[in-house]
C-alpha atoms as a PDB file:
ATOM      1  CA  UNK A   1      15.901 -16.376  12.498  1.00  0.00           C
ATOM      2  CA  UNK A   2      14.484 -17.952  15.661  1.00  0.00           C
ATOM      3  CA  UNK A   3      11.015 -16.790  16.655  1.00  0.00           C
ATOM      4  CA  UNK A   4      10.076 -16.017  20.213  1.00  0.00           C
ATOM      5  CA  UNK A   5       7.496 -18.306  21.778  1.00  0.00           C
ATOM      6  CA  UNK A   6       4.985 -15.453  21.690  1.00  0.00           C
ATOM      7  CA  UNK A   7       5.465 -14.767  17.984  1.00  0.00           C
ATOM      8  CA  UNK A   8       5.404 -18.480  17.133  1.00  0.00           C
ATOM      9  CA  UNK A   9       2.088 -18.707  18.977  1.00  0.00           C
ATOM     10  CA  UNK A  10       0.729 -15.771  16.965  1.00  0.00           C
ATOM     11  CA  UNK A  11       1.855 -17.438  13.729  1.00  0.00           C
ATOM     12  CA  UNK A  12       0.013 -20.611  14.716  1.00  0.00           C
ATOM     13  CA  UNK A  13      -3.066 -18.597  15.692  1.00  0.00           C
ATOM     14  CA  UNK A  14      -3.019 -16.942  12.262  1.00  0.00           C
ATOM     15  CA  UNK A  15      -2.853 -20.349  10.569  1.00  0.00           C
ATOM     16  CA  UNK A  16      -5.826 -21.619  12.574  1.00  0.00           C
ATOM     17  CA  UNK A  17      -7.795 -18.472  11.836  1.00  0.00           C
ATOM     18  CA  UNK A  18      -7.145 -18.734   8.108  1.00  0.00           C
ATOM     19  CA  UNK A  19      -8.202 -22.377   8.070  1.00  0.00           C
ATOM     20  CA  UNK A  20     -11.384 -21.442   9.923  1.00  0.00           C
ATOM     21  CA  UNK A  21     -12.323 -18.696   7.470  1.00  0.00           C
ATOM     22  CA  UNK A  22     -12.544 -21.164   4.603  1.00  0.00           C
ATOM     23  CA  UNK A  23     -12.252 -20.466   0.848  1.00  0.00           C
ATOM     24  CA  UNK A  24     -10.747 -17.003   0.618  1.00  0.00           C
ATOM     25  CA  UNK A  25     -10.027 -14.074  -1.669  1.00  0.00           C
ATOM     26  CA  UNK A  26      -7.084 -11.963  -0.445  1.00  0.00           C
ATOM     27  CA  UNK A  27      -6.790  -8.278  -1.330  1.00  0.00           C
ATOM     28  CA  UNK A  28      -3.185  -8.139  -2.487  1.00  0.00           C
ATOM     29  CA  UNK A  29      -0.959  -5.164  -3.280  1.00  0.00           C
ATOM     30  CA  UNK A  30       2.498  -6.734  -3.103  1.00  0.00           C
ATOM     31  CA  UNK A  31       3.436  -4.874   0.075  1.00  0.00           C
ATOM     32  CA  UNK A  32       4.822  -6.829   3.025  1.00  0.00           C
ATOM     33  CA  UNK A  33       1.511  -7.192   4.876  1.00  0.00           C
ATOM     34  CA  UNK A  34      -0.676  -8.298   1.980  1.00  0.00           C
ATOM     35  CA  UNK A  35       2.088 -10.459   0.496  1.00  0.00           C
ATOM     36  CA  UNK A  36       2.638 -12.274   3.778  1.00  0.00           C
ATOM     37  CA  UNK A  37      -1.121 -12.713   4.245  1.00  0.00           C
ATOM     38  CA  UNK A  38      -1.435 -14.164   0.731  1.00  0.00           C
ATOM     39  CA  UNK A  39       1.497 -16.497   1.446  1.00  0.00           C
ATOM     40  CA  UNK A  40       0.046 -17.599   4.801  1.00  0.00           C
ATOM     41  CA  UNK A  41      -3.411 -18.099   3.295  1.00  0.00           C
ATOM     42  CA  UNK A  42      -1.922 -20.227   0.531  1.00  0.00           C
ATOM     43  CA  UNK A  43      -0.041 -22.283   3.123  1.00  0.00           C
ATOM     44  CA  UNK A  44      -3.271 -22.801   5.076  1.00  0.00           C
ATOM     45  CA  UNK A  45      -5.809 -23.209   2.283  1.00  0.00           C
ATOM     46  CA  UNK A  46      -3.907 -24.256  -0.822  1.00  0.00           C
ATOM     47  CA  UNK A  47      -6.094 -24.101  -3.916  1.00  0.00           C
ATOM     48  CA  UNK A  48      -9.010 -22.818  -1.836  1.00  0.00           C
ATOM     49  CA  UNK A  49      -7.582 -19.297  -1.893  1.00  0.00           C
ATOM     50  CA  UNK A  50      -6.770 -16.690  -4.496  1.00  0.00           C
ATOM     51  CA  UNK A  51      -5.051 -13.318  -4.349  1.00  0.00           C
ATOM     52  CA  UNK A  52      -6.469 -10.351  -6.256  1.00  0.00           C
ATOM     53  CA  UNK A  53      -4.537  -7.224  -7.167  1.00  0.00           C
ATOM     54  CA  UNK A  54      -6.375  -4.148  -8.423  1.00  0.00           C
ATOM     55  CA  UNK A  55      -4.754  -2.519 -11.427  1.00  0.00           C
ATOM     56  CA  UNK A  56      -5.539   1.156 -11.822  1.00  0.00           C
ATOM     57  CA  UNK A  57      -3.814   4.456 -12.580  1.00  0.00           C
ATOM     58  CA  UNK A  58      -2.914   4.852  -8.894  1.00  0.00           C
ATOM     59  CA  UNK A  59      -0.794   1.673  -8.856  1.00  0.00           C
ATOM     60  CA  UNK A  60       2.791   2.164 -10.059  1.00  0.00           C
ATOM     61  CA  UNK A  61       3.869  -0.227 -12.817  1.00  0.00           C
ATOM     62  CA  UNK A  62       6.968  -1.068 -10.779  1.00  0.00           C
ATOM     63  CA  UNK A  63       4.778  -2.171  -7.857  1.00  0.00           C
ATOM     64  CA  UNK A  64       2.427  -4.167 -10.084  1.00  0.00           C
ATOM     65  CA  UNK A  65       5.289  -6.036 -11.758  1.00  0.00           C
ATOM     66  CA  UNK A  66       6.960  -6.836  -8.432  1.00  0.00           C
ATOM     67  CA  UNK A  67       3.681  -8.026  -6.899  1.00  0.00           C
ATOM     68  CA  UNK A  68       3.029 -10.359  -9.815  1.00  0.00           C
ATOM     69  CA  UNK A  69       6.594 -11.658  -9.642  1.00  0.00           C
ATOM     70  CA  UNK A  70       6.313 -12.461  -5.917  1.00  0.00           C
ATOM     71  CA  UNK A  71       3.050 -14.352  -6.405  1.00  0.00           C
ATOM     72  CA  UNK A  72       4.659 -16.377  -9.181  1.00  0.00           C
ATOM     73  CA  UNK A  73       7.710 -17.126  -7.020  1.00  0.00           C
ATOM     74  CA  UNK A  74       5.468 -18.518  -4.269  1.00  0.00           C
ATOM     75  CA  UNK A  75       2.968 -20.209  -6.613  1.00  0.00           C
ATOM     76  CA  UNK A  76       0.158 -18.111  -5.147  1.00  0.00           C
ATOM     77  CA  UNK A  77      -2.915 -18.068  -7.422  1.00  0.00           C
ATOM     78  CA  UNK A  78      -3.297 -14.460  -8.564  1.00  0.00           C
ATOM     79  CA  UNK A  79      -5.877 -12.585 -10.589  1.00  0.00           C
ATOM     80  CA  UNK A  80      -5.433  -9.008 -11.807  1.00  0.00           C
ATOM     81  CA  UNK A  81      -8.694  -7.038 -11.811  1.00  0.00           C
ATOM     82  CA  UNK A  82      -9.329  -3.483 -12.933  1.00  0.00           C
ATOM     83  CA  UNK A  83     -10.894  -0.843 -10.716  1.00  0.00           C
ATOM     84  CA  UNK A  84     -12.258   2.527 -11.803  1.00  0.00           C
ATOM     85  CA  UNK A  85     -11.910   4.739  -8.750  1.00  0.00           C
ATOM     86  CA  UNK A  86     -10.937   7.656 -11.028  1.00  0.00           C
ATOM     87  CA  UNK A  87     -14.507   7.528 -12.356  1.00  0.00           C
ATOM     88  CA  UNK A  88     -15.775   8.342  -8.861  1.00  0.00           C
ATOM     89  CA  UNK A  89     -16.178  12.070  -8.242  1.00  0.00           C
ATOM     90  CA  UNK A  90     -15.782  11.485  -4.482  1.00  0.00           C
ATOM     91  CA  UNK A  91     -12.356   9.940  -5.077  1.00  0.00           C
ATOM     92  CA  UNK A  92     -11.113  12.485  -7.605  1.00  0.00           C
ATOM     93  CA  UNK A  93     -11.892  15.477  -5.385  1.00  0.00           C
ATOM     94  CA  UNK A  94      -9.305  14.061  -2.954  1.00  0.00           C
ATOM     95  CA  UNK A  95     -10.589  15.060   0.445  1.00  0.00           C
ATOM     96  CA  UNK A  96      -9.830  13.199   3.665  1.00  0.00           C
ATOM     97  CA  UNK A  97     -12.194  10.360   2.692  1.00  0.00           C
ATOM     98  CA  UNK A  98     -10.409   9.513  -0.584  1.00  0.00           C
ATOM     99  CA  UNK A  99      -9.052   6.209   0.736  1.00  0.00           C
ATOM    100  CA  UNK A 100     -12.554   5.157   1.767  1.00  0.00           C
ATOM    101  CA  UNK A 101     -13.842   5.520  -1.785  1.00  0.00           C
ATOM    102  CA  UNK A 102     -10.837   3.669  -3.202  1.00  0.00           C
ATOM    103  CA  UNK A 103     -11.332   0.680  -0.908  1.00  0.00           C
ATOM    104  CA  UNK A 104     -15.104   0.775  -1.372  1.00  0.00           C
ATOM    105  CA  UNK A 105     -14.515   0.394  -5.111  1.00  0.00           C
ATOM    106  CA  UNK A 106     -11.983  -2.394  -4.542  1.00  0.00           C
ATOM    107  CA  UNK A 107     -14.149  -4.436  -2.190  1.00  0.00           C
ATOM    108  CA  UNK A 108     -17.221  -4.004  -4.394  1.00  0.00           C
ATOM    109  CA  UNK A 109     -15.275  -5.490  -7.307  1.00  0.00           C
ATOM    110  CA  UNK A 110     -13.881  -8.249  -5.076  1.00  0.00           C
ATOM    111  CA  UNK A 111     -17.334  -9.197  -3.787  1.00  0.00           C
ATOM    112  CA  UNK A 112     -18.520  -9.820  -7.324  1.00  0.00           C
ATOM    113  CA  UNK A 113     -15.347 -11.772  -8.119  1.00  0.00           C
ATOM    114  CA  UNK A 114     -15.623 -13.898  -4.949  1.00  0.00           C
ATOM    115  CA  UNK A 115     -19.235 -14.762  -5.736  1.00  0.00           C
ATOM    116  CA  UNK A 116     -18.284 -15.875  -9.248  1.00  0.00           C
ATOM    117  CA  UNK A 117     -15.479 -18.090  -7.920  1.00  0.00           C
ATOM    118  CA  UNK A 118     -17.385 -19.526  -4.957  1.00  0.00           C
ATOM    119  CA  UNK A 119     -15.059 -18.006  -2.366  1.00  0.00           C
ATOM    120  CA  UNK A 120     -16.701 -17.328   0.985  1.00  0.00           C
ATOM    121  CA  UNK A 121     -14.380 -14.783   2.604  1.00  0.00           C
ATOM    122  CA  UNK A 122     -12.571 -11.628   1.536  1.00  0.00           C
ATOM    123  CA  UNK A 123      -9.530 -10.730   3.644  1.00  0.00           C
ATOM    124  CA  UNK A 124      -7.023  -7.889   3.645  1.00  0.00           C
ATOM    125  CA  UNK A 125      -3.638  -7.247   5.206  1.00  0.00           C
ATOM    126  CA  UNK A 126      -4.303  -4.620   7.846  1.00  0.00           C
ATOM    127  CA  UNK A 127      -2.094  -5.132  10.907  1.00  0.00           C
ATOM    128  CA  UNK A 128      -2.458  -4.165  14.559  1.00  0.00           C
ATOM    129  CA  UNK A 129      -0.419  -0.959  14.185  1.00  0.00           C
ATOM    130  CA  UNK A 130      -2.606   0.192  11.295  1.00  0.00           C
ATOM    131  CA  UNK A 131      -5.639   0.219  13.572  1.00  0.00           C
ATOM    132  CA  UNK A 132      -4.177   3.197  15.434  1.00  0.00           C
ATOM    133  CA  UNK A 133      -3.481   5.170  12.241  1.00  0.00           C
ATOM    134  CA  UNK A 134      -5.715   7.422  10.122  1.00  0.00           C
ATOM    135  CA  UNK A 135      -6.932   4.943   7.509  1.00  0.00           C
ATOM    136  CA  UNK A 136     -10.449   5.567   6.135  1.00  0.00           C
ATOM    137  CA  UNK A 137     -10.123   2.448   4.000  1.00  0.00           C
ATOM    138  CA  UNK A 138     -10.634   0.402   7.150  1.00  0.00           C
ATOM    139  CA  UNK A 139     -14.163   1.791   7.369  1.00  0.00           C
ATOM    140  CA  UNK A 140     -14.868   0.535   3.857  1.00  0.00           C
ATOM    141  CA  UNK A 141     -13.471  -2.862   4.852  1.00  0.00           C
ATOM    142  CA  UNK A 142     -15.785  -2.958   7.849  1.00  0.00           C
ATOM    143  CA  UNK A 143     -18.786  -1.972   5.712  1.00  0.00           C
ATOM    144  CA  UNK A 144     -18.039  -4.859   3.341  1.00  0.00           C
ATOM    145  CA  UNK A 145     -17.357  -7.295   6.215  1.00  0.00           C
ATOM    146  CA  UNK A 146     -13.790  -7.918   5.070  1.00  0.00           C
ATOM    147  CA  UNK A 147     -11.786 -10.130   7.419  1.00  0.00           C
ATOM    148  CA  UNK A 148      -8.561  -8.880   9.019  1.00  0.00           C
ATOM    149  CA  UNK A 149      -6.650 -12.058   9.971  1.00  0.00           C
ATOM    150  CA  UNK A 150      -3.400 -10.272  10.908  1.00  0.00           C
ATOM    151  CA  UNK A 151      -5.269  -8.101  13.405  1.00  0.00           C
ATOM    152  CA  UNK A 152      -7.162 -11.089  14.762  1.00  0.00           C
ATOM    153  CA  UNK A 153      -3.805 -12.789  15.371  1.00  0.00           C
ATOM    154  CA  UNK A 154      -2.625  -9.595  17.154  1.00  0.00           C
ATOM    155  CA  UNK A 155       0.289  -9.124  14.727  1.00  0.00           C
ATOM    156  CA  UNK A 156       2.094  -5.789  14.570  1.00  0.00           C
ATOM    157  CA  UNK A 157       3.882  -4.471  11.479  1.00  0.00           C
ATOM    158  CA  UNK A 158       7.283  -5.538  12.808  1.00  0.00           C
ATOM    159  CA  UNK A 159       5.983  -8.979  13.717  1.00  0.00           C
ATOM    160  CA  UNK A 160       4.630  -9.449  10.191  1.00  0.00           C
ATOM    161  CA  UNK A 161       8.072  -8.529   8.859  1.00  0.00           C
ATOM    162  CA  UNK A 162       9.697 -10.960  11.292  1.00  0.00           C
ATOM    163  CA  UNK A 163       7.400 -13.798  10.233  1.00  0.00           C
ATOM    164  CA  UNK A 164       8.011 -13.027   6.566  1.00  0.00           C
ATOM    165  CA  UNK A 165      11.752 -13.079   7.183  1.00  0.00           C
ATOM    166  CA  UNK A 166      11.515 -16.364   9.095  1.00  0.00           C
ATOM    167  CA  UNK A 167       9.608 -17.835   6.133  1.00  0.00           C
ATOM    168  CA  UNK A 168      12.384 -16.731   3.762  1.00  0.00           C
ATOM    169  CA  UNK A 169      10.216 -14.246   1.864  1.00  0.00           C
ATOM    170  CA  UNK A 170      12.167 -11.537   0.053  1.00  0.00           C
ATOM    171  CA  UNK A 171       9.482  -8.954   0.776  1.00  0.00           C
ATOM    172  CA  UNK A 172      10.163  -9.033   4.545  1.00  0.00           C
ATOM    173  CA  UNK A 173      11.959  -5.665   4.457  1.00  0.00           C
ATOM    174  CA  UNK A 174      10.239  -4.162   1.421  1.00  0.00           C
ATOM    175  CA  UNK A 175       9.735  -0.409   1.916  1.00  0.00           C
ATOM    176  CA  UNK A 176       6.134   0.596   2.585  1.00  0.00           C
ATOM    177  CA  UNK A 177       4.435   2.130  -0.435  1.00  0.00           C
ATOM    178  CA  UNK A 178       0.903   3.487  -0.470  1.00  0.00           C
ATOM    179  CA  UNK A 179      -0.917   4.226  -3.722  1.00  0.00           C
ATOM    180  CA  UNK A 180       0.254   7.077  -5.944  1.00  0.00           C
ATOM    181  CA  UNK A 181      -2.827   9.148  -5.092  1.00  0.00           C
ATOM    182  CA  UNK A 182      -1.629   9.432  -1.492  1.00  0.00           C
ATOM    183  CA  UNK A 183       1.207  11.652  -2.768  1.00  0.00           C
ATOM    184  CA  UNK A 184      -1.186  14.387  -3.929  1.00  0.00           C
ATOM    185  CA  UNK A 185      -2.052  17.064  -1.377  1.00  0.00           C
ATOM    186  CA  UNK A 186      -5.616  16.886  -0.092  1.00  0.00           C
ATOM    187  CA  UNK A 187      -7.990  19.134  -1.993  1.00  0.00           C
ATOM    188  CA  UNK A 188      -6.054  18.883  -5.255  1.00  0.00           C
ATOM    189  CA  UNK A 189      -7.867  16.722  -7.801  1.00  0.00           C
ATOM    190  CA  UNK A 190      -6.442  13.301  -8.546  1.00  0.00           C
ATOM    191  CA  UNK A 191      -5.701  13.180 -12.278  1.00  0.00           C
ATOM    192  CA  UNK A 192      -3.926  10.684 -14.483  1.00  0.00           C
ATOM    193  CA  UNK A 193      -1.443  13.401 -15.397  1.00  0.00           C
ATOM    194  CA  UNK A 194      -0.507  14.017 -11.765  1.00  0.00           C
ATOM    195  CA  UNK A 195      -0.230  10.301 -11.051  1.00  0.00           C
ATOM    196  CA  UNK A 196       2.007   9.834 -14.084  1.00  0.00           C
ATOM    197  CA  UNK A 197       4.327  12.671 -13.013  1.00  0.00           C
ATOM    198  CA  UNK A 198       4.642  11.182  -9.519  1.00  0.00           C
ATOM    199  CA  UNK A 199       5.327   7.698 -10.865  1.00  0.00           C
ATOM    200  CA  UNK A 200       7.979   8.905 -13.308  1.00  0.00           C
ATOM    201  CA  UNK A 201       9.610  10.981 -10.583  1.00  0.00           C
ATOM    202  CA  UNK A 202       9.743   8.036  -8.178  1.00  0.00           C
ATOM    203  CA  UNK A 203      11.078   5.746 -10.908  1.00  0.00           C
ATOM    204  CA  UNK A 204      13.880   8.279 -11.440  1.00  0.00           C
ATOM    205  CA  UNK A 205      14.700   8.389  -7.716  1.00  0.00           C
ATOM    206  CA  UNK A 206      14.832   4.595  -7.643  1.00  0.00           C
ATOM    207  CA  UNK A 207      17.193   4.628 -10.626  1.00  0.00           C
ATOM    208  CA  UNK A 208      19.453   7.023  -8.692  1.00  0.00           C
ATOM    209  CA  UNK A 209      19.802   4.368  -5.991  1.00  0.00           C
ATOM    210  CA  UNK A 210      17.364   5.642  -3.354  1.00  0.00           C
ATOM    211  CA  UNK A 211      15.272   2.998  -1.595  1.00  0.00           C
ATOM    212  CA  UNK A 212      12.779   4.724   0.715  1.00  0.00           C
ATOM    213  CA  UNK A 213      11.237   7.932  -0.592  1.00  0.00           C
ATOM    214  CA  UNK A 214       8.109   9.765  -1.689  1.00  0.00           C
ATOM    215  CA  UNK A 215       7.358  12.426  -4.276  1.00  0.00           C
ATOM    216  CA  UNK A 216       4.688  14.704  -2.817  1.00  0.00           C
ATOM    217  CA  UNK A 217       2.651  16.654  -5.371  1.00  0.00           C
ATOM    218  CA  UNK A 218       1.769  20.229  -4.363  1.00  0.00           C
ATOM    219  CA  UNK A 219       0.714  21.605  -7.724  1.00  0.00           C
ATOM    220  CA  UNK A 220       3.704  23.509  -9.119  1.00  0.00           C
ATOM    221  CA  UNK A 221       5.893  22.184  -6.304  1.00  0.00           C
ATOM    222  CA  UNK A 222       7.431  18.730  -6.048  1.00  0.00           C
ATOM    223  CA  UNK A 223       8.371  17.950  -2.440  1.00  0.00           C
ATOM    224  CA  UNK A 224      10.824  15.063  -2.237  1.00  0.00           C
ATOM    225  CA  UNK A 225      11.053  12.999   0.942  1.00  0.00           C
ATOM    226  CA  UNK A 226      14.119  10.787   1.329  1.00  0.00           C
ATOM    227  CA  UNK A 227      14.692   8.378   4.221  1.00  0.00           C
ATOM    228  CA  UNK A 228      16.985   9.935   6.836  1.00  0.00           C
ATOM    229  CA  UNK A 229      19.577   7.197   6.527  1.00  0.00           C
ATOM    230  CA  UNK A 230      19.814   7.998   2.792  1.00  0.00           C
ATOM    231  CA  UNK A 231      19.752  11.784   3.156  1.00  0.00           C
ATOM    232  CA  UNK A 232      23.528  12.216   2.877  1.00  0.00           C
ATOM    233  CA  UNK A 233      23.345  10.945  -0.690  1.00  0.00           C
ATOM    234  CA  UNK A 234      20.749  13.616  -1.501  1.00  0.00           C
ATOM    235  CA  UNK A 235      22.461  16.595   0.161  1.00  0.00           C
ATOM    236  CA  UNK A 236      24.993  17.654  -2.436  1.00  0.00           C
ATOM    237  CA  UNK A 237      25.038  20.071  -5.363  1.00  0.00           C
ATOM    238  CA  UNK A 238      25.230  17.403  -8.057  1.00  0.00           C
ATOM    239  CA  UNK A 239      22.182  15.573  -6.727  1.00  0.00           C
ATOM    240  CA  UNK A 240      20.295  18.851  -6.295  1.00  0.00           C
ATOM    241  CA  UNK A 241      20.942  19.624  -9.942  1.00  0.00           C
ATOM    242  CA  UNK A 242      19.759  16.153 -10.928  1.00  0.00           C
ATOM    243  CA  UNK A 243      16.553  16.491  -8.896  1.00  0.00           C
ATOM    244  CA  UNK A 244      15.898  19.853 -10.541  1.00  0.00           C
ATOM    245  CA  UNK A 245      16.459  18.466 -14.037  1.00  0.00           C
ATOM    246  CA  UNK A 246      14.196  15.443 -13.461  1.00  0.00           C
ATOM    247  CA  UNK A 247      11.250  17.187 -11.880  1.00  0.00           C
ATOM    248  CA  UNK A 248      11.199  20.311 -14.033  1.00  0.00           C
ATOM    249  CA  UNK A 249      11.097  18.011 -17.054  1.00  0.00           C
ATOM    250  CA  UNK A 250       7.975  16.467 -15.491  1.00  0.00           C
ATOM    251  CA  UNK A 251       6.237  19.860 -15.361  1.00  0.00           C
ATOM    252  CA  UNK A 252       6.988  21.076 -11.836  1.00  0.00           C
ATOM    253  CA  UNK A 253       8.129  24.684 -11.517  1.00  0.00           C
ATOM    254  CA  UNK A 254       9.738  24.284  -8.095  1.00  0.00           C
ATOM    255  CA  UNK A 255      11.637  21.318  -6.675  1.00  0.00           C
ATOM    256  CA  UNK A 256      12.188  20.952  -2.921  1.00  0.00           C
ATOM    257  CA  UNK A 257      13.893  18.422  -0.665  1.00  0.00           C
ATOM    258  CA  UNK A 258      12.059  17.955   2.640  1.00  0.00           C
ATOM    259  CA  UNK A 259      14.697  18.150   5.382  1.00  0.00           C
ATOM    260  CA  UNK A 260      12.509  16.164   7.805  1.00  0.00           C
ATOM    261  CA  UNK A 261      13.006  13.158   5.569  1.00  0.00           C
ATOM    262  CA  UNK A 262      10.558  10.429   4.620  1.00  0.00           C
ATOM    263  CA  UNK A 263       7.464  10.068   6.839  1.00  0.00           C
ATOM    264  CA  UNK A 264       4.717   7.648   5.975  1.00  0.00           C
ATOM    265  CA  UNK A 265       1.402   9.514   5.754  1.00  0.00           C
ATOM    266  CA  UNK A 266       2.965  12.961   6.048  1.00  0.00           C
ATOM    267  CA  UNK A 267       0.095  14.467   4.034  1.00  0.00           C
ATOM    268  CA  UNK A 268      -2.247  13.601   6.925  1.00  0.00           C
ATOM    269  CA  UNK A 269      -0.507  16.162   9.148  1.00  0.00           C
ATOM    270  CA  UNK A 270      -2.078  18.876   6.979  1.00  0.00           C
ATOM    271  CA  UNK A 271      -5.604  17.769   7.888  1.00  0.00           C
ATOM    272  CA  UNK A 272      -7.614  19.514  10.574  1.00  0.00           C
ATOM    273  CA  UNK A 273      -9.201  17.494  13.407  1.00  0.00           C
ATOM    274  CA  UNK A 274     -12.579  18.002  11.720  1.00  0.00           C
ATOM    275  CA  UNK A 275     -11.273  16.574   8.445  1.00  0.00           C
ATOM    276  CA  UNK A 276      -9.773  13.600  10.238  1.00  0.00           C
ATOM    277  CA  UNK A 277     -13.129  12.856  11.851  1.00  0.00           C
ATOM    278  CA  UNK A 278     -15.004  13.138   8.549  1.00  0.00           C
ATOM    279  CA  UNK A 279     -12.480  10.890   6.849  1.00  0.00           C
ATOM    280  CA  UNK A 280     -13.197   7.914   9.082  1.00  0.00           C
ATOM    281  CA  UNK A 281     -16.968   8.064   9.201  1.00  0.00           C
END
């Protein structure tokens, strides 16, 4: 694809910014934003950068394997580290600040890793659109002085996708996928059992041919969100029976299909204004 002059200028600004930040550790999840940032940092810095992916119970095995595969395809240096956010009581209780505690754990581990490897900067793949969303993890990033090169280059989510496509990266249209813990309703404890049920349920939906979806965990209820352009495939008796079979086998008593379809961050709509404020402090 041909880039507009404005987007080409932003791409060049990102390259200059990455070069200026020096030896770098990139927080990498395999999603479009972090994957493109890792690719761009590797283009700019070569062996003076490394990507780090945090392996924990809240990261689906499917996502971990795909992230590792992409890094290998692009020859991006990658290290897998282990984080223990489930050992943090503040994380497990799953209030509106859960994401803060997750990222605080991640960046604490990355700081130690960067010091060991002599890397000066830690960067993550937040984009300009994310700054307007409810994302407590950005507060943790600020506390740890983590760089946000995509924001500094004024790149939106769509522009990151466009640049990834222009670079020939297969992840340019990869569906967004937050951690498994984000599927559990606020106030319900994050447990390995709940995370496993969500992961197995989403693996089953993927095997059925769905591409953009979420399994929301509401205790005894599994609430399935399917992208609107895929909803027709879900709205029939045979698929309803299959959903019921899959999710009851995973321990849910009730299985529901959300007729509003997939919405990123739909759990946040259940938070009060006071909870939203507390979550970003």
